[in-house]
C-alpha atoms as a PDB file:
ATOM      1  CA  MET A   1    -129.947-150.336 210.742  1.00  0.00           C
ATOM      2  CA  LEU A   2    -129.335-147.321 212.926  1.00  0.00           C
ATOM      3  CA  TYR A   3    -125.579-147.966 212.781  1.00  0.00           C
ATOM      4  CA  GLY A   4    -125.706-147.968 208.958  1.00  0.00           C
ATOM      5  CA  LEU A   5    -127.480-144.597 208.982  1.00  0.00           C
ATOM      6  CA  ALA A   6    -124.855-143.084 211.285  1.00  0.00           C
ATOM      7  CA  MET A   7    -122.054-144.401 209.079  1.00  0.00           C
ATOM      8  CA  ASN A   8    -123.750-142.947 206.009  1.00  0.00           C
ATOM      9  CA  GLN A   9    -124.074-139.541 207.668  1.00  0.00           C
ATOM     10  CA  THR A  10    -120.424-139.654 208.751  1.00  0.00           C
ATOM     11  CA  GLY A  11    -119.372-140.574 205.216  1.00  0.00           C
ATOM     12  CA  SER A  12    -121.430-137.681 203.900  1.00  0.00           C
ATOM     13  CA  ALA A  13    -119.814-135.264 206.354  1.00  0.00           C
ATOM     14  CA  VAL A  14    -116.345-136.484 205.375  1.00  0.00           C
ATOM     15  CA  ALA A  15    -117.210-136.031 201.690  1.00  0.00           C
ATOM     16  CA  ILE A  16    -118.384-132.469 202.356  1.00  0.00           C
ATOM     17  CA  ILE A  17    -115.200-131.651 204.256  1.00  0.00           C
ATOM     18  CA  ALA A  18    -113.106-133.164 201.457  1.00  0.00           C
ATOM     19  CA  GLN A  19    -114.942-130.989 198.934  1.00  0.00           C
ATOM     20  CA  MET A  20    -114.306-127.930 201.093  1.00  0.00           C
ATOM     21  CA  ILE A  21    -110.571-128.684 201.197  1.00  0.00           C
ATOM     22  CA  THR A  22    -110.192-128.542 197.414  1.00  0.00           C
ATOM     23  CA  PRO A  23    -110.732-124.753 197.239  1.00  0.00           C
ATOM     24  CA  ALA A  24    -108.375-124.440 200.223  1.00  0.00           C
ATOM     25  CA  ILE A  25    -105.593-125.967 198.125  1.00  0.00           C
ATOM     26  CA  PHE A  26    -106.271-123.354 195.449  1.00  0.00           C
ATOM     27  CA  ILE A  27    -106.176-120.670 198.154  1.00  0.00           C
ATOM     28  CA  LEU A  28    -102.760-121.921 199.275  1.00  0.00           C
ATOM     29  CA  ALA A  29    -101.474-121.806 195.703  1.00  0.00           C
ATOM     30  CA  CYS A  30    -102.797-118.258 195.304  1.00  0.00           C
ATOM     31  CA  GLY A  31    -101.079-117.295 198.537  1.00  0.00           C
ATOM     32  CA  ASN A  32     -97.748-118.388 197.069  1.00  0.00           C
ATOM     33  CA  LEU A  33     -98.432-116.380 193.915  1.00  0.00           C
ATOM     34  CA  VAL A  34     -99.353-113.335 196.009  1.00  0.00           C
ATOM     35  CA  ALA A  35     -96.148-113.641 198.053  1.00  0.00           C
ATOM     36  CA  SER A  36     -93.897-113.778 195.004  1.00  0.00           C
ATOM     37  CA  THR A  37     -95.799-110.948 193.297  1.00  0.00           C
ATOM     38  CA  VAL A  38     -95.580-108.715 196.374  1.00  0.00           C
ATOM     39  CA  THR A  39     -91.817-109.323 196.393  1.00  0.00           C
ATOM     40  CA  ARG A  40     -91.677-108.167 192.778  1.00  0.00           C
ATOM     41  CA  VAL A  41     -93.728-105.071 193.656  1.00  0.00           C
ATOM     42  CA  ALA A  42     -91.269-104.230 196.446  1.00  0.00           C
ATOM     43  CA  ARG A  43     -88.363-104.501 194.011  1.00  0.00           C
ATOM     44  CA  VAL A  44     -90.112-102.255 191.484  1.00  0.00           C
ATOM     45  CA  VAL A  45     -90.870 -99.672 194.171  1.00  0.00           C
ATOM     46  CA  ASP A  46     -87.308 -99.717 195.513  1.00  0.00           C
ATOM     47  CA  ARG A  47     -85.758 -99.394 192.059  1.00  0.00           C
ATOM     48  CA  SER A  48     -88.196 -96.626 191.095  1.00  0.00           C
ATOM     49  CA  ARG A  49     -87.284 -94.640 194.204  1.00  0.00           C
ATOM     50  CA  LEU A  50     -83.590 -94.980 193.388  1.00  0.00           C
ATOM     51  CA  LEU A  51     -84.215 -93.825 189.833  1.00  0.00           C
ATOM     52  CA  LEU A  52     -86.262 -90.858 191.050  1.00  0.00           C
ATOM     53  CA  ASP A  53     -83.447 -89.835 193.377  1.00  0.00           C
ATOM     54  CA  GLU A  54     -80.938 -90.266 190.554  1.00  0.00           C
ATOM     55  CA  SER A  55     -83.063 -88.224 188.152  1.00  0.00           C
ATOM     56  CA  HIS A  56     -82.850 -85.203 190.477  1.00  0.00           C
ATOM     57  CA  ALA A  57     -79.070 -85.191 190.034  1.00  0.00           C
ATOM     58  CA  HIS A  58     -79.369 -84.545 186.280  1.00  0.00           C
ATOM     59  CA  THR A  59     -80.721 -81.606 184.329  1.00  0.00           C
ATOM     60  CA  ALA A  60     -84.007 -82.169 182.519  1.00  0.00           C
ATOM     61  CA  GLN A  61     -82.361 -81.992 179.101  1.00  0.00           C
ATOM     62  CA  SER A  62     -79.468 -84.357 179.766  1.00  0.00           C
ATOM     63  CA  GLU A  63     -79.178 -87.750 178.114  1.00  0.00           C
ATOM     64  CA  ALA A  64     -79.054 -89.458 181.518  1.00  0.00           C
ATOM     65  CA  HIS A  65     -82.278 -87.772 182.612  1.00  0.00           C
ATOM     66  CA  THR A  66     -84.009 -88.844 179.382  1.00  0.00           C
ATOM     67  CA  PHE A  67     -82.843 -92.430 179.889  1.00  0.00           C
ATOM     68  CA  ILE A  68     -84.010 -92.453 183.520  1.00  0.00           C
ATOM     69  CA  ALA A  69     -87.400 -91.021 182.518  1.00  0.00           C
ATOM     70  CA  ALA A  70     -87.824 -93.793 179.948  1.00  0.00           C
ATOM     71  CA  GLU A  71     -86.829 -96.401 182.519  1.00  0.00           C
ATOM     72  CA  LEU A  72     -89.295 -94.944 185.028  1.00  0.00           C
ATOM     73  CA  ASP A  73     -92.057 -95.306 182.427  1.00  0.00           C
ATOM     74  CA  VAL A  74     -91.213 -99.001 182.189  1.00  0.00           C
ATOM     75  CA  TYR A  75     -91.281 -99.348 185.976  1.00  0.00           C
ATOM     76  CA  LYS A  76     -94.629 -97.582 186.072  1.00  0.00           C
ATOM     77  CA  ARG A  77     -96.016-100.122 183.588  1.00  0.00           C
ATOM     78  CA  ARG A  78     -94.497-102.983 185.563  1.00  0.00           C
ATOM     79  CA  ALA A  79     -96.158-101.686 188.747  1.00  0.00           C
ATOM     80  CA  GLU A  80     -99.505-101.487 186.928  1.00  0.00           C
ATOM     81  CA  LEU A  81     -99.176-105.066 185.664  1.00  0.00           C
ATOM     82  CA  LEU A  82     -98.248-106.335 189.119  1.00  0.00           C
ATOM     83  CA  GLU A  83    -101.143-104.442 190.679  1.00  0.00           C
ATOM     84  CA  GLY A  84    -103.495-106.085 188.199  1.00  0.00           C
ATOM     85  CA  ALA A  85    -102.029-109.521 188.904  1.00  0.00           C
ATOM     86  CA  LEU A  86    -102.441-109.034 192.653  1.00  0.00           C
ATOM     87  CA  THR A  87    -106.013-107.871 192.155  1.00  0.00           C
ATOM     88  CA  TYR A  88    -106.807-111.053 190.231  1.00  0.00           C
ATOM     89  CA  TYR A  89    -105.034-113.255 192.787  1.00  0.00           C
ATOM     90  CA  TYR A  90    -106.876-111.689 195.717  1.00  0.00           C
ATOM     91  CA  ALA A  91    -110.203-111.929 193.871  1.00  0.00           C
ATOM     92  CA  ALA A  92    -109.433-115.594 193.194  1.00  0.00           C
ATOM     93  CA  ILE A  93    -108.755-116.202 196.886  1.00  0.00           C
ATOM     94  CA  GLY A  94    -112.105-114.627 197.780  1.00  0.00           C
ATOM     95  CA  THR A  95    -113.842-116.676 195.116  1.00  0.00           C
ATOM     96  CA  PHE A  96    -112.281-119.906 196.396  1.00  0.00           C
ATOM     97  CA  VAL A  97    -113.335-119.037 199.947  1.00  0.00           C
ATOM     98  CA  LEU A  98    -116.898-118.516 198.676  1.00  0.00           C
ATOM     99  CA  ALA A  99    -116.716-121.824 196.816  1.00  0.00           C
ATOM    100  CA  SER A 100    -115.696-123.568 200.017  1.00  0.00           C
ATOM    101  CA  LEU A 101    -118.569-121.960 201.926  1.00  0.00           C
ATOM    102  CA  PHE A 102    -121.041-122.896 199.217  1.00  0.00           C
ATOM    103  CA  VAL A 103    -119.916-126.530 199.402  1.00  0.00           C
ATOM    104  CA  ALA A 104    -121.156-126.530 202.982  1.00  0.00           C
ATOM    105  CA  ILE A 105    -124.305-124.584 202.098  1.00  0.00           C
ATOM    106  CA  SER A 106    -125.087-126.911 199.203  1.00  0.00           C
ATOM    107  CA  ALA A 107    -125.017-129.818 201.645  1.00  0.00           C
ATOM    108  CA  LEU A 108    -127.934-128.148 203.412  1.00  0.00           C
ATOM    109  CA  VAL A 109    -129.746-126.708 200.397  1.00  0.00           C
ATOM    110  CA  SER A 110    -129.459-128.942 197.376  1.00  0.00           C
ATOM    111  CA  ALA A 111    -130.719-126.193 195.062  1.00  0.00           C
ATOM    112  CA  VAL A 112    -127.295-124.504 194.980  1.00  0.00           C
ATOM    113  CA  LEU A 113    -125.165-127.520 194.016  1.00  0.00           C
ATOM    114  CA  TRP A 114    -123.797-125.811 190.892  1.00  0.00           C
ATOM    115  CA  ILE A 115    -122.529-122.689 192.699  1.00  0.00           C
ATOM    116  CA  PRO A 116    -119.315-124.180 194.203  1.00  0.00           C
ATOM    117  CA  THR A 117    -118.297-125.511 190.805  1.00  0.00           C
ATOM    118  CA  ALA A 118    -119.032-122.203 189.102  1.00  0.00           C
ATOM    119  CA  LEU A 119    -117.090-120.286 191.765  1.00  0.00           C
ATOM    120  CA  THR A 120    -114.125-122.640 191.439  1.00  0.00           C
ATOM    121  CA  VAL A 121    -114.091-122.156 187.663  1.00  0.00           C
ATOM    122  CA  ILE A 122    -114.292-118.371 188.108  1.00  0.00           C
ATOM    123  CA  GLY A 123    -111.454-118.530 190.630  1.00  0.00           C
ATOM    124  CA  ALA A 124    -109.320-120.560 188.230  1.00  0.00           C
ATOM    125  CA  ILE A 125    -109.954-118.000 185.483  1.00  0.00           C
ATOM    126  CA  LEU A 126    -108.916-115.200 187.863  1.00  0.00           C
ATOM    127  CA  VAL A 127    -105.690-117.061 188.681  1.00  0.00           C
ATOM    128  CA  LEU A 128    -105.045-117.457 184.960  1.00  0.00           C
ATOM    129  CA  LEU A 129    -105.568-113.722 184.393  1.00  0.00           C
ATOM    130  CA  GLY A 130    -103.227-112.914 187.263  1.00  0.00           C
ATOM    131  CA  ALA A 131    -100.615-115.297 185.895  1.00  0.00           C
ATOM    132  CA  LEU A 132    -100.870-113.693 182.461  1.00  0.00           C
ATOM    133  CA  GLY A 133    -100.353-110.256 184.016  1.00  0.00           C
ATOM    134  CA  SER A 134     -97.345-111.572 185.930  1.00  0.00           C
ATOM    135  CA  LEU A 135     -95.962-113.087 182.746  1.00  0.00           C
ATOM    136  CA  ARG A 136     -96.305-109.752 180.933  1.00  0.00           C
ATOM    137  CA  GLU A 137     -94.484-108.026 183.796  1.00  0.00           C
ATOM    138  CA  VAL A 138     -91.655-110.584 183.746  1.00  0.00           C
ATOM    139  CA  ARG A 139     -91.258-110.153 180.005  1.00  0.00           C
ATOM    140  CA  LEU A 140     -91.144-106.383 180.470  1.00  0.00           C
ATOM    141  CA  ALA A 141     -88.542-106.750 183.235  1.00  0.00           C
ATOM    142  CA  THR A 142     -86.309-109.042 181.210  1.00  0.00           C
ATOM    143  CA  GLY A 143     -86.647-106.751 178.194  1.00  0.00           C
ATOM    144  CA  THR A 144     -85.480-103.841 180.327  1.00  0.00           C
ATOM    145  CA  THR A 145     -82.550-105.887 181.583  1.00  0.00           C
ATOM    146  CA  ARG A 146     -81.538-106.753 178.027  1.00  0.00           C
ATOM    147  CA  LYS A 147     -81.687-103.061 177.065  1.00  0.00           C
ATOM    148  CA  LEU A 148     -79.532-102.084 180.048  1.00  0.00           C
ATOM    149  CA  ILE A 149     -76.953-104.713 179.139  1.00  0.00           C
ATOM    150  CA  ASP A 150     -76.927-103.627 175.504  1.00  0.00           C
ATOM    151  CA  ARG A 151     -76.521 -99.989 176.570  1.00  0.00           C
ATOM    152  CA  ALA A 152     -73.631-100.871 178.877  1.00  0.00           C
ATOM    153  CA  LEU A 153     -71.821-102.855 176.169  1.00  0.00           C
END
């Protein structure tokens, strides 16, 4: 009988650990999204700096300066969208970490069993919001590319 109790407790511990791993998988996915978004931010910053340097070479009333100013406005919006996406991704990571902690806490205090599920749902919504912001930024970037190609042709 004692052996059966020990096996049951071990099974329970394994189940708790398995439940804690699920948010960790979401955290890993968010980490990949953060990495790719940070790369996009770096590209926006680099291109913006080049455009700023280029804008100083033109007079304020020139056609080139006007075009560069318009392009910088687009890059500003792209940076804002990427910042928002990163904010959502980082908030999601924090929420998934909390969910994982509450899985362990709920094993001790059964009154909080719903919290890990709620946190995981909130985290998933935050990832969705971040993905939507990233999608808007990508669409803005490709739109800018199309305009540059059209202008060159």
